[in-house]
C-alpha atoms as a PDB file:
ATOM      1  CA  MET A   1       1.618  14.975 -39.197  1.00  0.00           C
ATOM      2  CA  HIS A   2       2.818  18.462 -38.321  1.00  0.00           C
ATOM      3  CA  PRO A   3       6.439  19.466 -39.088  1.00  0.00           C
ATOM      4  CA  THR A   4       7.142  20.061 -35.382  1.00  0.00           C
ATOM      5  CA  ASP A   5       5.888  16.629 -34.316  1.00  0.00           C
ATOM      6  CA  THR A   6       8.537  14.160 -33.198  1.00  0.00           C
ATOM      7  CA  ALA A   7       8.575  10.393 -32.855  1.00  0.00           C
ATOM      8  CA  ARG A   8       8.784   9.090 -29.300  1.00  0.00           C
ATOM      9  CA  LEU A   9       9.712   5.557 -28.294  1.00  0.00           C
ATOM     10  CA  LEU A  10       7.067   4.404 -25.857  1.00  0.00           C
ATOM     11  CA  PRO A  11       7.885   2.443 -22.686  1.00  0.00           C
ATOM     12  CA  TRP A  12       6.003  -0.650 -23.860  1.00  0.00           C
ATOM     13  CA  SER A  13       6.059  -3.065 -26.777  1.00  0.00           C
ATOM     14  CA  SER A  14       3.415  -4.216 -29.197  1.00  0.00           C
ATOM     15  CA  PRO A  15       1.784  -7.620 -28.590  1.00  0.00           C
ATOM     16  CA  ASP A  16       4.322  -9.171 -30.983  1.00  0.00           C
ATOM     17  CA  GLY A  17       7.262  -7.578 -29.154  1.00  0.00           C
ATOM     18  CA  LYS A  18       8.037  -4.747 -31.541  1.00  0.00           C
ATOM     19  CA  PRO A  19       8.823  -1.228 -30.281  1.00  0.00           C
ATOM     20  CA  CYS A  20       5.966   1.261 -30.212  1.00  0.00           C
ATOM     21  CA  PHE A  21       6.351   4.865 -31.311  1.00  0.00           C
ATOM     22  CA  LEU A  22       4.087   7.864 -30.941  1.00  0.00           C
ATOM     23  CA  VAL A  23       4.207  10.817 -33.293  1.00  0.00           C
ATOM     24  CA  GLY A  24       2.841  14.062 -31.941  1.00  0.00           C
ATOM     25  CA  ASP A  25       3.532  17.176 -29.949  1.00  0.00           C
ATOM     26  CA  GLY A  26       3.778  15.358 -26.587  1.00  0.00           C
ATOM     27  CA  THR A  27       0.625  16.772 -25.020  1.00  0.00           C
ATOM     28  CA  GLY A  28      -1.975  14.063 -25.649  1.00  0.00           C
ATOM     29  CA  TYR A  29      -3.397  11.247 -23.549  1.00  0.00           C
ATOM     30  CA  VAL A  30      -0.921   8.600 -24.734  1.00  0.00           C
ATOM     31  CA  SER A  31       2.008  10.938 -24.055  1.00  0.00           C
ATOM     32  CA  ARG A  32       0.777  11.537 -20.505  1.00  0.00           C
ATOM     33  CA  LEU A  33       0.271   7.791 -20.015  1.00  0.00           C
ATOM     34  CA  ALA A  34       3.824   7.146 -21.235  1.00  0.00           C
ATOM     35  CA  ASP A  35       5.154   9.858 -18.896  1.00  0.00           C
ATOM     36  CA  GLU A  36       3.416   8.201 -15.942  1.00  0.00           C
ATOM     37  CA  MET A  37       4.716   4.755 -16.895  1.00  0.00           C
ATOM     38  CA  GLU A  38       8.273   6.056 -17.335  1.00  0.00           C
ATOM     39  CA  GLU A  39       8.092   7.777 -13.941  1.00  0.00           C
ATOM     40  CA  ALA A  40       6.942   4.518 -12.326  1.00  0.00           C
ATOM     41  CA  GLN A  41       9.770   2.617 -14.056  1.00  0.00           C
ATOM     42  CA  LEU A  42      12.358   5.148 -12.831  1.00  0.00           C
ATOM     43  CA  ASP A  43      10.969   4.945  -9.286  1.00  0.00           C
ATOM     44  CA  SER A  44      11.195   1.144  -9.400  1.00  0.00           C
ATOM     45  CA  ALA A  45      14.755   1.328 -10.714  1.00  0.00           C
ATOM     46  CA  ALA A  46      15.738   3.693  -7.881  1.00  0.00           C
ATOM     47  CA  GLU A  47      14.209   1.335  -5.306  1.00  0.00           C
ATOM     48  CA  LEU A  48      16.023  -1.611  -6.864  1.00  0.00           C
ATOM     49  CA  GLY A  49      19.304   0.316  -6.766  1.00  0.00           C
ATOM     50  CA  GLU A  50      18.801   1.064  -3.067  1.00  0.00           C
ATOM     51  CA  GLU A  51      17.973  -2.581  -2.366  1.00  0.00           C
ATOM     52  CA  ALA A  52      21.039  -3.731  -4.296  1.00  0.00           C
ATOM     53  CA  HIS A  53      23.229  -1.362  -2.329  1.00  0.00           C
ATOM     54  CA  ARG A  54      21.750  -2.589   0.962  1.00  0.00           C
ATOM     55  CA  ILE A  55      22.217  -6.258   0.077  1.00  0.00           C
ATOM     56  CA  LEU A  56      25.725  -5.863  -1.293  1.00  0.00           C
ATOM     57  CA  ALA A  57      26.902  -3.526   1.496  1.00  0.00           C
ATOM     58  CA  GLY A  58      25.792  -6.022   4.150  1.00  0.00           C
ATOM     59  CA  ARG A  59      27.994  -8.727   2.616  1.00  0.00           C
ATOM     60  CA  ALA A  60      25.537 -11.288   3.970  1.00  0.00           C
ATOM     61  CA  TRP A  61      23.622 -12.134   0.825  1.00  0.00           C
ATOM     62  CA  THR A  62      22.495 -15.541  -0.241  1.00  0.00           C
ATOM     63  CA  PRO A  63      22.863 -16.885  -3.782  1.00  0.00           C
ATOM     64  CA  GLY A  64      19.080 -16.622  -4.086  1.00  0.00           C
ATOM     65  CA  GLU A  65      19.122 -12.933  -3.200  1.00  0.00           C
ATOM     66  CA  ILE A  66      21.812 -12.221  -5.793  1.00  0.00           C
ATOM     67  CA  HIS A  67      19.880 -14.182  -8.398  1.00  0.00           C
ATOM     68  CA  LEU A  68      16.646 -12.322  -7.609  1.00  0.00           C
ATOM     69  CA  LEU A  69      18.473  -9.003  -7.689  1.00  0.00           C
ATOM     70  CA  ALA A  70      19.944  -9.793 -11.092  1.00  0.00           C
ATOM     71  CA  LEU A  71      16.538 -10.636 -12.510  1.00  0.00           C
END
């Protein structure tokens, strides 16, 4: 481990549900994979936020839609 390396929490868990960390300089394959996964998660969150706004602004939601949105 190099003194400038930092620990990064990865956007996935181990098979037994524990957090995964990567120690390095942030330029390797796993770092790039984590960057791509985090970008996809942020895109999905933005889409979900837009959908939530659309559903709630219309004031015509069903209980099922609210439940699905909450999940």
